[in-house]
PDB file of N, CA and C in Angstrom:
ATOM      1  N   UNK A   1     125.472  95.249 108.061  1.00  0.00           N
ATOM      2  CA  UNK A   1     125.414  96.075 108.454  1.00  0.00           C
ATOM      3  C   UNK A   1     125.212  97.423 107.521  1.00  0.00           C
ATOM      4  N   UNK A   2     124.310  98.124 107.627  1.00  0.00           N
ATOM      5  CA  UNK A   2     124.184  99.357 106.455  1.00  0.00           C
ATOM      6  C   UNK A   2     123.330 100.523 107.516  1.00  0.00           C
ATOM      7  N   UNK A   3     123.267 101.606 106.724  1.00  0.00           N
ATOM      8  CA  UNK A   3     123.026 102.692 107.266  1.00  0.00           C
ATOM      9  C   UNK A   3     122.001 103.423 105.979  1.00  0.00           C
ATOM     10  N   UNK A   4     120.952 104.416 106.283  1.00  0.00           N
ATOM     11  CA  UNK A   4     120.020 104.794 105.325  1.00  0.00           C
ATOM     12  C   UNK A   4     119.861 106.394 105.369  1.00  0.00           C
ATOM     13  N   UNK A   5     120.630 107.200 105.225  1.00  0.00           N
ATOM     14  CA  UNK A   5     120.759 108.535 105.593  1.00  0.00           C
ATOM     15  C   UNK A   5     119.408 109.383 104.614  1.00  0.00           C
ATOM     16  N   UNK A   6     118.631 109.967 105.309  1.00  0.00           N
ATOM     17  CA  UNK A   6     117.737 110.860 104.211  1.00  0.00           C
ATOM     18  C   UNK A   6     118.417 112.341 103.984  1.00  0.00           C
ATOM     19  N   UNK A   7     118.232 112.477 102.681  1.00  0.00           N
ATOM     20  CA  UNK A   7     118.413 113.980 102.025  1.00  0.00           C
ATOM     21  C   UNK A   7     117.883 115.022 103.009  1.00  0.00           C
ATOM     22  N   UNK A   8     118.173 116.221 102.981  1.00  0.00           N
ATOM     23  CA  UNK A   8     117.357 117.403 103.951  1.00  0.00           C
ATOM     24  C   UNK A   8     116.199 117.802 102.970  1.00  0.00           C
ATOM     25  N   UNK A   9     115.191 118.307 103.615  1.00  0.00           N
ATOM     26  CA  UNK A   9     114.182 119.103 102.834  1.00  0.00           C
ATOM     27  C   UNK A   9     114.708 120.011 101.682  1.00  0.00           C
ATOM     28  N   UNK A  10     114.360 120.196 100.515  1.00  0.00           N
ATOM     29  CA  UNK A  10     112.975 119.799 100.102  1.00  0.00           C
ATOM     30  C   UNK A  10     113.241 118.286  99.215  1.00  0.00           C
ATOM     31  N   UNK A  11     114.503 117.734  99.522  1.00  0.00           N
ATOM     32  CA  UNK A  11     114.849 116.595  98.988  1.00  0.00           C
ATOM     33  C   UNK A  11     114.651 115.045  99.779  1.00  0.00           C
ATOM     34  N   UNK A  12     113.858 115.458 100.704  1.00  0.00           N
ATOM     35  CA  UNK A  12     113.772 114.153 101.719  1.00  0.00           C
ATOM     36  C   UNK A  12     112.903 113.091 101.112  1.00  0.00           C
ATOM     37  N   UNK A  13     112.618 112.898  99.914  1.00  0.00           N
ATOM     38  CA  UNK A  13     111.939 111.686  99.572  1.00  0.00           C
ATOM     39  C   UNK A  13     113.022 110.744  98.847  1.00  0.00           C
ATOM     40  N   UNK A  14     114.151 111.284  99.045  1.00  0.00           N
ATOM     41  CA  UNK A  14     115.315 110.272  98.472  1.00  0.00           C
ATOM     42  C   UNK A  14     116.178 110.203  99.654  1.00  0.00           C
ATOM     43  N   UNK A  15     116.487 108.638  99.539  1.00  0.00           N
ATOM     44  CA  UNK A  15     116.913 108.026 100.544  1.00  0.00           C
ATOM     45  C   UNK A  15     118.130 107.005  99.972  1.00  0.00           C
ATOM     46  N   UNK A  16     119.505 107.075 100.583  1.00  0.00           N
ATOM     47  CA  UNK A  16     120.501 105.957 100.304  1.00  0.00           C
ATOM     48  C   UNK A  16     120.870 105.169 101.131  1.00  0.00           C
ATOM     49  N   UNK A  17     121.309 104.288 100.555  1.00  0.00           N
ATOM     50  CA  UNK A  17     121.665 102.956 101.707  1.00  0.00           C
ATOM     51  C   UNK A  17     123.027 103.078 101.663  1.00  0.00           C
ATOM     52  N   UNK A  18     123.676 103.033 102.366  1.00  0.00           N
ATOM     53  CA  UNK A  18     125.155 102.852 102.746  1.00  0.00           C
ATOM     54  C   UNK A  18     125.579 101.708 103.439  1.00  0.00           C
ATOM     55  N   UNK A  19     126.400 100.673 102.702  1.00  0.00           N
ATOM     56  CA  UNK A  19     126.578  99.495 103.252  1.00  0.00           C
ATOM     57  C   UNK A  19     127.926  99.355 103.829  1.00  0.00           C
ATOM     58  N   UNK A  20     128.218  98.662 105.115  1.00  0.00           N
ATOM     59  CA  UNK A  20     129.524  98.560 105.523  1.00  0.00           C
ATOM     60  C   UNK A  20     129.169  99.029 107.113  1.00  0.00           C
ATOM     61  N   UNK A  21     130.412  99.156 107.726  1.00  0.00           N
ATOM     62  CA  UNK A  21     130.561  99.159 109.141  1.00  0.00           C
ATOM     63  C   UNK A  21     130.523 100.876 109.343  1.00  0.00           C
ATOM     64  N   UNK A  22     130.846 101.483 108.168  1.00  0.00           N
ATOM     65  CA  UNK A  22     131.187 102.791 108.450  1.00  0.00           C
ATOM     66  C   UNK A  22     130.258 103.668 107.753  1.00  0.00           C
ATOM     67  N   UNK A  23     130.005 104.954 107.870  1.00  0.00           N
ATOM     68  CA  UNK A  23     129.272 106.068 106.900  1.00  0.00           C
ATOM     69  C   UNK A  23     130.181 106.207 105.891  1.00  0.00           C
ATOM     70  N   UNK A  24     131.008 105.852 105.551  1.00  0.00           N
ATOM     71  CA  UNK A  24     131.883 106.085 104.094  1.00  0.00           C
ATOM     72  C   UNK A  24     132.095 104.992 103.376  1.00  0.00           C
ATOM     73  N   UNK A  25     131.030 103.973 103.628  1.00  0.00           N
ATOM     74  CA  UNK A  25     131.120 102.856 102.856  1.00  0.00           C
ATOM     75  C   UNK A  25     130.228 103.105 101.549  1.00  0.00           C
ATOM     76  N   UNK A  26     130.134 101.598 100.805  1.00  0.00           N
ATOM     77  CA  UNK A  26     129.883 102.124  99.219  1.00  0.00           C
ATOM     78  C   UNK A  26     128.248 102.511  99.548  1.00  0.00           C
ATOM     79  N   UNK A  27     127.765 103.344  98.400  1.00  0.00           N
ATOM     80  CA  UNK A  27     126.386 103.629  98.548  1.00  0.00           C
ATOM     81  C   UNK A  27     125.760 102.235  97.511  1.00  0.00           C
ATOM     82  N   UNK A  28     124.868 101.444  97.999  1.00  0.00           N
ATOM     83  CA  UNK A  28     124.404 100.391  97.146  1.00  0.00           C
ATOM     84  C   UNK A  28     122.932 100.372  96.822  1.00  0.00           C
ATOM     85  N   UNK A  29     122.412 101.425  97.410  1.00  0.00           N
ATOM     86  CA  UNK A  29     121.150 101.620  96.930  1.00  0.00           C
ATOM     87  C   UNK A  29     120.533 102.741  97.274  1.00  0.00           C
ATOM     88  N   UNK A  30     119.421 103.259  96.207  1.00  0.00           N
ATOM     89  CA  UNK A  30     118.807 104.846  96.072  1.00  0.00           C
ATOM     90  C   UNK A  30     117.584 104.479  96.121  1.00  0.00           C
ATOM     91  N   UNK A  31     117.008 105.133  97.005  1.00  0.00           N
ATOM     92  CA  UNK A  31     115.359 105.163  96.836  1.00  0.00           C
ATOM     93  C   UNK A  31     114.543 106.511  96.601  1.00  0.00           C
ATOM     94  N   UNK A  32     113.547 106.493  96.107  1.00  0.00           N
ATOM     95  CA  UNK A  32     112.915 107.960  95.686  1.00  0.00           C
ATOM     96  C   UNK A  32     111.523 107.583  95.858  1.00  0.00           C
ATOM     97  N   UNK A  33     110.708 108.418  96.608  1.00  0.00           N
ATOM     98  CA  UNK A  33     109.269 108.085  96.754  1.00  0.00           C
ATOM     99  C   UNK A  33     108.740 108.531  98.282  1.00  0.00           C
ATOM    100  N   UNK A  34     107.760 107.223  98.426  1.00  0.00           N
ATOM    101  CA  UNK A  34     106.931 107.471  99.337  1.00  0.00           C
ATOM    102  C   UNK A  34     106.417 108.861  99.682  1.00  0.00           C
ATOM    103  N   UNK A  35     105.540 109.036  98.515  1.00  0.00           N
ATOM    104  CA  UNK A  35     104.838 110.476  98.240  1.00  0.00           C
ATOM    105  C   UNK A  35     103.511 109.957  98.966  1.00  0.00           C
ATOM    106  N   UNK A  36     103.268 109.064  99.595  1.00  0.00           N
ATOM    107  CA  UNK A  36     101.706 108.984 100.257  1.00  0.00           C
ATOM    108  C   UNK A  36     101.715 109.733 101.402  1.00  0.00           C
ATOM    109  N   UNK A  37     102.762 110.229 102.101  1.00  0.00           N
ATOM    110  CA  UNK A  37     102.545 111.009 103.375  1.00  0.00           C
ATOM    111  C   UNK A  37     101.653 112.200 103.229  1.00  0.00           C
ATOM    112  N   UNK A  38     100.741 112.662 104.223  1.00  0.00           N
ATOM    113  CA  UNK A  38      99.586 113.767 103.859  1.00  0.00           C
ATOM    114  C   UNK A  38     100.412 114.768 103.677  1.00  0.00           C
ATOM    115  N   UNK A  39     100.457 115.667 102.606  1.00  0.00           N
ATOM    116  CA  UNK A  39     101.114 116.919 102.453  1.00  0.00           C
ATOM    117  C   UNK A  39     102.410 116.999 101.673  1.00  0.00           C
ATOM    118  N   UNK A  40     102.608 115.605 101.509  1.00  0.00           N
ATOM    119  CA  UNK A  40     104.135 115.420 101.103  1.00  0.00           C
ATOM    120  C   UNK A  40     103.934 115.534  99.386  1.00  0.00           C
ATOM    121  N   UNK A  41     104.936 116.391  98.697  1.00  0.00           N
ATOM    122  CA  UNK A  41     105.073 116.164  97.387  1.00  0.00           C
ATOM    123  C   UNK A  41     106.298 115.866  96.674  1.00  0.00           C
ATOM    124  N   UNK A  42     106.537 115.280  95.728  1.00  0.00           N
ATOM    125  CA  UNK A  42     108.026 115.157  95.412  1.00  0.00           C
ATOM    126  C   UNK A  42     108.524 116.637  94.713  1.00  0.00           C
ATOM    127  N   UNK A  43     110.054 116.430  94.905  1.00  0.00           N
ATOM    128  CA  UNK A  43     110.622 117.807  94.409  1.00  0.00           C
ATOM    129  C   UNK A  43     111.285 117.117  92.911  1.00  0.00           C
ATOM    130  N   UNK A  44     110.980 117.617  91.823  1.00  0.00           N
ATOM    131  CA  UNK A  44     111.106 117.275  90.664  1.00  0.00           C
ATOM    132  C   UNK A  44     110.498 115.818  90.285  1.00  0.00           C
ATOM    133  N   UNK A  45     111.100 115.253  89.356  1.00  0.00           N
ATOM    134  CA  UNK A  45     110.222 113.624  89.169  1.00  0.00           C
ATOM    135  C   UNK A  45     111.395 113.186  88.461  1.00  0.00           C
ATOM    136  N   UNK A  46     111.801 112.240  89.203  1.00  0.00           N
ATOM    137  CA  UNK A  46     113.200 111.415  88.810  1.00  0.00           C
ATOM    138  C   UNK A  46     112.755 110.419  88.357  1.00  0.00           C
ATOM    139  N   UNK A  47     113.074 110.123  87.014  1.00  0.00           N
ATOM    140  CA  UNK A  47     113.167 108.436  86.119  1.00  0.00           C
ATOM    141  C   UNK A  47     114.101 107.801  85.982  1.00  0.00           C
ATOM    142  N   UNK A  48     113.577 106.665  85.635  1.00  0.00           N
ATOM    143  CA  UNK A  48     114.868 105.583  85.521  1.00  0.00           C
ATOM    144  C   UNK A  48     115.391 105.842  83.770  1.00  0.00           C
ATOM    145  N   UNK A  49     115.856 104.978  83.765  1.00  0.00           N
ATOM    146  CA  UNK A  49     116.437 105.172  82.106  1.00  0.00           C
ATOM    147  C   UNK A  49     115.719 104.878  81.337  1.00  0.00           C
ATOM    148  N   UNK A  50     114.576 103.882  81.649  1.00  0.00           N
ATOM    149  CA  UNK A  50     113.405 103.706  80.673  1.00  0.00           C
ATOM    150  C   UNK A  50     112.239 104.884  80.726  1.00  0.00           C
ATOM    151  N   UNK A  51     112.604 105.682  81.463  1.00  0.00           N
ATOM    152  CA  UNK A  51     111.554 106.618  81.611  1.00  0.00           C
ATOM    153  C   UNK A  51     110.247 106.690  82.639  1.00  0.00           C
ATOM    154  N   UNK A  52     110.684 105.622  83.640  1.00  0.00           N
ATOM    155  CA  UNK A  52     109.191 105.384  84.607  1.00  0.00           C
ATOM    156  C   UNK A  52     109.772 106.320  85.721  1.00  0.00           C
ATOM    157  N   UNK A  53     108.620 106.964  86.590  1.00  0.00           N
ATOM    158  CA  UNK A  53     108.936 107.615  87.520  1.00  0.00           C
ATOM    159  C   UNK A  53     107.839 107.270  88.529  1.00  0.00           C
ATOM    160  N   UNK A  54     107.807 107.959  89.834  1.00  0.00           N
ATOM    161  CA  UNK A  54     107.029 107.876  90.659  1.00  0.00           C
ATOM    162  C   UNK A  54     105.399 108.692  90.372  1.00  0.00           C
ATOM    163  N   UNK A  55     104.417 107.833  90.526  1.00  0.00           N
ATOM    164  CA  UNK A  55     103.254 108.423  89.859  1.00  0.00           C
ATOM    165  C   UNK A  55     102.737 107.596  88.462  1.00  0.00           C
ATOM    166  N   UNK A  56     103.793 107.031  87.833  1.00  0.00           N
ATOM    167  CA  UNK A  56     103.320 106.290  86.888  1.00  0.00           C
ATOM    168  C   UNK A  56     102.567 104.843  87.041  1.00  0.00           C
ATOM    169  N   UNK A  57     102.048 104.582  86.214  1.00  0.00           N
ATOM    170  CA  UNK A  57     101.054 102.963  86.273  1.00  0.00           C
ATOM    171  C   UNK A  57     101.871 101.935  85.973  1.00  0.00           C
ATOM    172  N   UNK A  58     101.362 101.031  86.586  1.00  0.00           N
ATOM    173  CA  UNK A  58     102.460  99.441  86.588  1.00  0.00           C
ATOM    174  C   UNK A  58     102.222  99.282  84.956  1.00  0.00           C
ATOM    175  N   UNK A  59     101.262  99.685  84.018  1.00  0.00           N
ATOM    176  CA  UNK A  59     101.128  99.375  82.940  1.00  0.00           C
ATOM    177  C   UNK A  59     102.437 100.171  82.085  1.00  0.00           C
ATOM    178  N   UNK A  60     102.904 101.032  82.480  1.00  0.00           N
ATOM    179  CA  UNK A  60     103.919 101.928  81.945  1.00  0.00           C
ATOM    180  C   UNK A  60     105.146 101.206  82.407  1.00  0.00           C
ATOM    181  N   UNK A  61     105.034 100.642  83.721  1.00  0.00           N
ATOM    182  CA  UNK A  61     106.297  99.826  84.038  1.00  0.00           C
ATOM    183  C   UNK A  61     106.680  98.472  83.229  1.00  0.00           C
ATOM    184  N   UNK A  62     105.686  97.783  82.888  1.00  0.00           N
ATOM    185  CA  UNK A  62     105.590  96.716  82.128  1.00  0.00           C
ATOM    186  C   UNK A  62     105.855  96.983  80.828  1.00  0.00           C
ATOM    187  N   UNK A  63     105.466  98.073  80.046  1.00  0.00           N
ATOM    188  CA  UNK A  63     105.717  98.302  78.858  1.00  0.00           C
ATOM    189  C   UNK A  63     107.082  98.979  78.562  1.00  0.00           C
ATOM    190  N   UNK A  64     107.563  99.704  79.352  1.00  0.00           N
ATOM    191  CA  UNK A  64     109.076 100.303  79.567  1.00  0.00           C
ATOM    192  C   UNK A  64     110.248  99.122  79.801  1.00  0.00           C
ATOM    193  N   UNK A  65     109.547  97.923  80.495  1.00  0.00           N
ATOM    194  CA  UNK A  65     110.564  96.689  80.619  1.00  0.00           C
ATOM    195  C   UNK A  65     109.897  95.611  80.289  1.00  0.00           C
ATOM    196  N   UNK A  66     109.604  95.743  79.234  1.00  0.00           N
ATOM    197  CA  UNK A  66     109.000  94.276  78.544  1.00  0.00           C
ATOM    198  C   UNK A  66     109.573  93.385  78.743  1.00  0.00           C
ATOM    199  N   UNK A  67     108.907  92.176  79.419  1.00  0.00           N
ATOM    200  CA  UNK A  67     109.171  90.692  79.486  1.00  0.00           C
ATOM    201  C   UNK A  67     110.175  90.765  80.511  1.00  0.00           C
ATOM    202  N   UNK A  68     110.627  91.775  81.248  1.00  0.00           N
ATOM    203  CA  UNK A  68     111.548  91.601  82.303  1.00  0.00           C
ATOM    204  C   UNK A  68     111.056  91.805  83.596  1.00  0.00           C
ATOM    205  N   UNK A  69     109.796  92.050  83.801  1.00  0.00           N
ATOM    206  CA  UNK A  69     109.000  92.447  85.060  1.00  0.00           C
ATOM    207  C   UNK A  69     108.372  91.351  85.691  1.00  0.00           C
ATOM    208  N   UNK A  70     109.118  91.151  87.113  1.00  0.00           N
ATOM    209  CA  UNK A  70     108.555  90.070  87.798  1.00  0.00           C
ATOM    210  C   UNK A  70     107.628  90.932  88.785  1.00  0.00           C
ATOM    211  N   UNK A  71     106.270  90.261  89.007  1.00  0.00           N
ATOM    212  CA  UNK A  71     105.459  90.820  89.914  1.00  0.00           C
ATOM    213  C   UNK A  71     105.128  90.219  91.079  1.00  0.00           C
ATOM    214  N   UNK A  72     105.121  90.637  92.284  1.00  0.00           N
ATOM    215  CA  UNK A  72     104.794  90.057  93.580  1.00  0.00           C
ATOM    216  C   UNK A  72     103.874  90.953  94.235  1.00  0.00           C
ATOM    217  N   UNK A  73     103.051  90.283  95.299  1.00  0.00           N
ATOM    218  CA  UNK A  73     101.975  91.174  95.921  1.00  0.00           C
ATOM    219  C   UNK A  73     102.854  92.007  97.124  1.00  0.00           C
ATOM    220  N   UNK A  74     102.504  93.098  97.578  1.00  0.00           N
ATOM    221  CA  UNK A  74     103.049  94.099  98.608  1.00  0.00           C
ATOM    222  C   UNK A  74     102.816  93.379  99.709  1.00  0.00           C
ATOM    223  N   UNK A  75     103.805  93.459 100.711  1.00  0.00           N
ATOM    224  CA  UNK A  75     103.985  92.852 102.153  1.00  0.00           C
ATOM    225  C   UNK A  75     102.970  93.838 102.971  1.00  0.00           C
ATOM    226  N   UNK A  76     102.783  95.218 102.674  1.00  0.00           N
ATOM    227  CA  UNK A  76     102.143  95.799 103.568  1.00  0.00           C
ATOM    228  C   UNK A  76     100.930  96.746 102.976  1.00  0.00           C
ATOM    229  N   UNK A  77     100.679  96.543 101.525  1.00  0.00           N
ATOM    230  CA  UNK A  77      99.590  97.422 101.017  1.00  0.00           C
ATOM    231  C   UNK A  77      98.757  96.638 100.306  1.00  0.00           C
ATOM    232  N   UNK A  78      97.555  96.179 101.045  1.00  0.00           N
ATOM    233  CA  UNK A  78      96.920  95.273 100.289  1.00  0.00           C
ATOM    234  C   UNK A  78      96.585  95.958  98.892  1.00  0.00           C
ATOM    235  N   UNK A  79      96.383  95.214  98.014  1.00  0.00           N
ATOM    236  CA  UNK A  79      96.337  95.250  96.578  1.00  0.00           C
ATOM    237  C   UNK A  79      97.389  95.831  95.713  1.00  0.00           C
ATOM    238  N   UNK A  80      98.527  96.322  96.718  1.00  0.00           N
ATOM    239  CA  UNK A  80      99.659  96.561  96.006  1.00  0.00           C
ATOM    240  C   UNK A  80     100.625  95.752  95.586  1.00  0.00           C
ATOM    241  N   UNK A  81     101.740  96.110  94.898  1.00  0.00           N
ATOM    242  CA  UNK A  81     102.498  95.288  94.149  1.00  0.00           C
ATOM    243  C   UNK A  81     103.845  95.506  94.313  1.00  0.00           C
ATOM    244  N   UNK A  82     105.016  94.890  93.922  1.00  0.00           N
ATOM    245  CA  UNK A  82     106.346  95.234  93.852  1.00  0.00           C
ATOM    246  C   UNK A  82     106.710  94.561  92.399  1.00  0.00           C
ATOM    247  N   UNK A  83     107.230  95.493  91.701  1.00  0.00           N
ATOM    248  CA  UNK A  83     107.679  95.147  90.110  1.00  0.00           C
ATOM    249  C   UNK A  83     108.949  95.121  90.175  1.00  0.00           C
ATOM    250  N   UNK A  84     109.453  94.091  90.102  1.00  0.00           N
ATOM    251  CA  UNK A  84     110.887  93.884  90.086  1.00  0.00           C
ATOM    252  C   UNK A  84     111.575  94.086  88.814  1.00  0.00           C
ATOM    253  N   UNK A  85     112.786  94.633  88.303  1.00  0.00           N
ATOM    254  CA  UNK A  85     113.308  94.463  86.958  1.00  0.00           C
ATOM    255  C   UNK A  85     114.686  94.176  87.308  1.00  0.00           C
ATOM    256  N   UNK A  86     115.233  92.904  86.667  1.00  0.00           N
ATOM    257  CA  UNK A  86     116.326  92.815  86.840  1.00  0.00           C
ATOM    258  C   UNK A  86     117.450  93.090  85.803  1.00  0.00           C
ATOM    259  N   UNK A  87     118.652  93.385  86.294  1.00  0.00           N
ATOM    260  CA  UNK A  87     119.740  94.124  84.890  1.00  0.00           C
ATOM    261  C   UNK A  87     119.732  93.409  83.749  1.00  0.00           C
ATOM    262  N   UNK A  88     120.340  93.565  82.655  1.00  0.00           N
ATOM    263  CA  UNK A  88     120.497  92.639  81.730  1.00  0.00           C
ATOM    264  C   UNK A  88     121.596  91.947  81.688  1.00  0.00           C
ATOM    265  N   UNK A  89     122.023  90.800  81.026  1.00  0.00           N
ATOM    266  CA  UNK A  89     122.701  90.043  81.008  1.00  0.00           C
ATOM    267  C   UNK A  89     124.408  90.578  81.086  1.00  0.00           C
ATOM    268  N   UNK A  90     124.417  91.873  80.772  1.00  0.00           N
ATOM    269  CA  UNK A  90     126.018  92.337  80.649  1.00  0.00           C
ATOM    270  C   UNK A  90     126.094  93.230  81.701  1.00  0.00           C
ATOM    271  N   UNK A  91     125.472  92.823  82.972  1.00  0.00           N
ATOM    272  CA  UNK A  91     125.684  93.552  84.314  1.00  0.00           C
ATOM    273  C   UNK A  91     126.053  92.602  85.390  1.00  0.00           C
ATOM    274  N   UNK A  92     127.321  92.285  85.315  1.00  0.00           N
ATOM    275  CA  UNK A  92     127.934  91.460  86.565  1.00  0.00           C
ATOM    276  C   UNK A  92     127.465  91.806  87.677  1.00  0.00           C
ATOM    277  N   UNK A  93     127.291  93.079  88.169  1.00  0.00           N
ATOM    278  CA  UNK A  93     127.037  93.390  89.559  1.00  0.00           C
ATOM    279  C   UNK A  93     125.770  92.738  89.956  1.00  0.00           C
ATOM    280  N   UNK A  94     124.620  92.575  89.026  1.00  0.00           N
ATOM    281  CA  UNK A  94     123.378  91.805  89.529  1.00  0.00           C
ATOM    282  C   UNK A  94     122.632  93.001  90.356  1.00  0.00           C
ATOM    283  N   UNK A  95     122.638  94.056  89.417  1.00  0.00           N
ATOM    284  CA  UNK A  95     121.989  95.122  90.058  1.00  0.00           C
ATOM    285  C   UNK A  95     120.048  95.168  89.630  1.00  0.00           C
ATOM    286  N   UNK A  96     119.136  95.736  90.136  1.00  0.00           N
ATOM    287  CA  UNK A  96     117.901  95.797  90.299  1.00  0.00           C
ATOM    288  C   UNK A  96     117.127  97.027  90.427  1.00  0.00           C
ATOM    289  N   UNK A  97     116.024  97.086  89.799  1.00  0.00           N
ATOM    290  CA  UNK A  97     115.060  98.181  90.190  1.00  0.00           C
ATOM    291  C   UNK A  97     113.671  97.938  90.683  1.00  0.00           C
ATOM    292  N   UNK A  98     113.264  97.935  91.880  1.00  0.00           N
ATOM    293  CA  UNK A  98     112.117  97.603  92.302  1.00  0.00           C
ATOM    294  C   UNK A  98     111.002  99.010  92.498  1.00  0.00           C
ATOM    295  N   UNK A  99     109.938  98.759  91.808  1.00  0.00           N
ATOM    296  CA  UNK A  99     108.962  99.557  91.870  1.00  0.00           C
ATOM    297  C   UNK A  99     107.748  99.294  92.626  1.00  0.00           C
ATOM    298  N   UNK A 100     107.497 100.131  93.867  1.00  0.00           N
ATOM    299  CA  UNK A 100     106.177  99.704  94.550  1.00  0.00           C
ATOM    300  C   UNK A 100     105.148 100.347  94.148  1.00  0.00           C
ATOM    301  N   UNK A 101     103.840  99.705  94.260  1.00  0.00           N
ATOM    302  CA  UNK A 101     102.557 100.298  93.845  1.00  0.00           C
ATOM    303  C   UNK A 101     101.827 100.351  94.563  1.00  0.00           C
ATOM    304  N   UNK A 102     100.588 101.340  94.815  1.00  0.00           N
ATOM    305  CA  UNK A 102      99.612 101.073  95.362  1.00  0.00           C
ATOM    306  C   UNK A 102      98.072 100.475  94.741  1.00  0.00           C
ATOM    307  N   UNK A 103      96.910 100.275  95.459  1.00  0.00           N
ATOM    308  CA  UNK A 103      95.898  99.506  95.238  1.00  0.00           C
ATOM    309  C   UNK A 103      95.400  99.910  93.686  1.00  0.00           C
ATOM    310  N   UNK A 104      95.442 101.099  93.406  1.00  0.00           N
ATOM    311  CA  UNK A 104      95.132 101.421  91.732  1.00  0.00           C
ATOM    312  C   UNK A 104      96.340 101.339  90.854  1.00  0.00           C
ATOM    313  N   UNK A 105      97.647 100.817  91.243  1.00  0.00           N
ATOM    314  CA  UNK A 105      98.393 100.587  90.243  1.00  0.00           C
ATOM    315  C   UNK A 105      99.196 101.598  89.887  1.00  0.00           C
ATOM    316  N   UNK A 106      99.325 102.720  90.819  1.00  0.00           N
ATOM    317  CA  UNK A 106     100.521 103.578  90.533  1.00  0.00           C
ATOM    318  C   UNK A 106     101.635 103.595  91.482  1.00  0.00           C
ATOM    319  N   UNK A 107     102.932 104.025  90.792  1.00  0.00           N
ATOM    320  CA  UNK A 107     104.126 103.707  91.588  1.00  0.00           C
ATOM    321  C   UNK A 107     104.266 104.974  92.460  1.00  0.00           C
ATOM    322  N   UNK A 108     104.446 103.988  93.780  1.00  0.00           N
ATOM    323  CA  UNK A 108     104.534 105.222  95.002  1.00  0.00           C
ATOM    324  C   UNK A 108     106.070 105.380  95.417  1.00  0.00           C
ATOM    325  N   UNK A 109     107.051 104.278  94.900  1.00  0.00           N
ATOM    326  CA  UNK A 109     108.384 104.610  95.182  1.00  0.00           C
ATOM    327  C   UNK A 109     108.867 103.410  94.323  1.00  0.00           C
ATOM    328  N   UNK A 110     110.625 103.929  94.229  1.00  0.00           N
ATOM    329  CA  UNK A 110     111.464 103.164  93.203  1.00  0.00           C
ATOM    330  C   UNK A 110     112.764 102.923  94.034  1.00  0.00           C
ATOM    331  N   UNK A 111     113.234 101.905  94.156  1.00  0.00           N
ATOM    332  CA  UNK A 111     114.449 101.813  94.873  1.00  0.00           C
ATOM    333  C   UNK A 111     115.598 101.065  93.592  1.00  0.00           C
ATOM    334  N   UNK A 112     116.622 101.270  93.758  1.00  0.00           N
ATOM    335  CA  UNK A 112     117.476 100.632  92.773  1.00  0.00           C
ATOM    336  C   UNK A 112     118.762 100.601  93.409  1.00  0.00           C
ATOM    337  N   UNK A 113     119.389  99.613  93.068  1.00  0.00           N
ATOM    338  CA  UNK A 113     120.780  99.362  93.324  1.00  0.00           C
ATOM    339  C   UNK A 113     121.472  98.177  93.267  1.00  0.00           C
ATOM    340  N   UNK A 114     122.296  97.420  93.880  1.00  0.00           N
ATOM    341  CA  UNK A 114     122.664  96.028  94.016  1.00  0.00           C
ATOM    342  C   UNK A 114     121.411  95.441  94.354  1.00  0.00           C
ATOM    343  N   UNK A 115     121.289  94.258  93.842  1.00  0.00           N
ATOM    344  CA  UNK A 115     120.099  93.290  93.953  1.00  0.00           C
ATOM    345  C   UNK A 115     119.820  93.087  95.314  1.00  0.00           C
ATOM    346  N   UNK A 116     120.652  92.707  96.133  1.00  0.00           N
ATOM    347  CA  UNK A 116     120.332  92.102  97.294  1.00  0.00           C
ATOM    348  C   UNK A 116     119.920  93.373  98.214  1.00  0.00           C
ATOM    349  N   UNK A 117     120.468  94.217  97.972  1.00  0.00           N
ATOM    350  CA  UNK A 117     120.077  95.494  98.712  1.00  0.00           C
ATOM    351  C   UNK A 117     118.597  96.216  98.218  1.00  0.00           C
ATOM    352  N   UNK A 118     118.539  96.347  96.876  1.00  0.00           N
ATOM    353  CA  UNK A 118     116.988  96.568  96.291  1.00  0.00           C
ATOM    354  C   UNK A 118     116.115  95.893  96.745  1.00  0.00           C
ATOM    355  N   UNK A 119     116.253  94.510  96.891  1.00  0.00           N
ATOM    356  CA  UNK A 119     115.125  93.559  97.040  1.00  0.00           C
ATOM    357  C   UNK A 119     114.878  93.665  98.730  1.00  0.00           C
ATOM    358  N   UNK A 120     115.497  94.270  99.518  1.00  0.00           N
ATOM    359  CA  UNK A 120     115.179  94.447 100.855  1.00  0.00           C
ATOM    360  C   UNK A 120     114.103  95.324 101.110  1.00  0.00           C
ATOM    361  N   UNK A 121     112.942  94.860 101.569  1.00  0.00           N
ATOM    362  CA  UNK A 121     111.781  95.419 101.537  1.00  0.00           C
ATOM    363  C   UNK A 121     111.800  96.574 103.009  1.00  0.00           C
ATOM    364  N   UNK A 122     112.455  95.854 104.152  1.00  0.00           N
ATOM    365  CA  UNK A 122     112.718  96.682 105.115  1.00  0.00           C
ATOM    366  C   UNK A 122     113.878  97.768 105.080  1.00  0.00           C
ATOM    367  N   UNK A 123     114.537  97.547 104.249  1.00  0.00           N
ATOM    368  CA  UNK A 123     116.055  98.683 104.113  1.00  0.00           C
ATOM    369  C   UNK A 123     117.089  98.000 104.976  1.00  0.00           C
ATOM    370  N   UNK A 124     117.320  98.844 105.863  1.00  0.00           N
ATOM    371  CA  UNK A 124     118.527  98.481 106.742  1.00  0.00           C
ATOM    372  C   UNK A 124     117.957  97.719 107.990  1.00  0.00           C
ATOM    373  N   UNK A 125     116.753  97.554 108.197  1.00  0.00           N
ATOM    374  CA  UNK A 125     116.211  97.041 109.300  1.00  0.00           C
ATOM    375  C   UNK A 125     116.390  95.202 109.618  1.00  0.00           C
TER     376      UNK A 125
END
């Protein structure tokens, strides 16, 4: 079981995933993005440790995480992709970053956290 509280405006493009049976469980995933809603704009520009943020290109993700990107077709966006980057061998927790892209290859959202939670396309659904 999990919960996905969304932060209040103007930071409502950020979502957390709290895992467990209570709201005070551990945060296991952090989402940034979903900027495709009409009139919605990002506040600030959060970036990954390699400098990738919402609005960047698939090419930038591939260069920033060279040799570590697994690409698969997007479930809901025709022509879009999921670009998954697994943590390095020194990470025993098994974390991942998943970039979602639109048909023109721009990053529309980023989710990161424990691999199982980061890979969950539907979040807590």
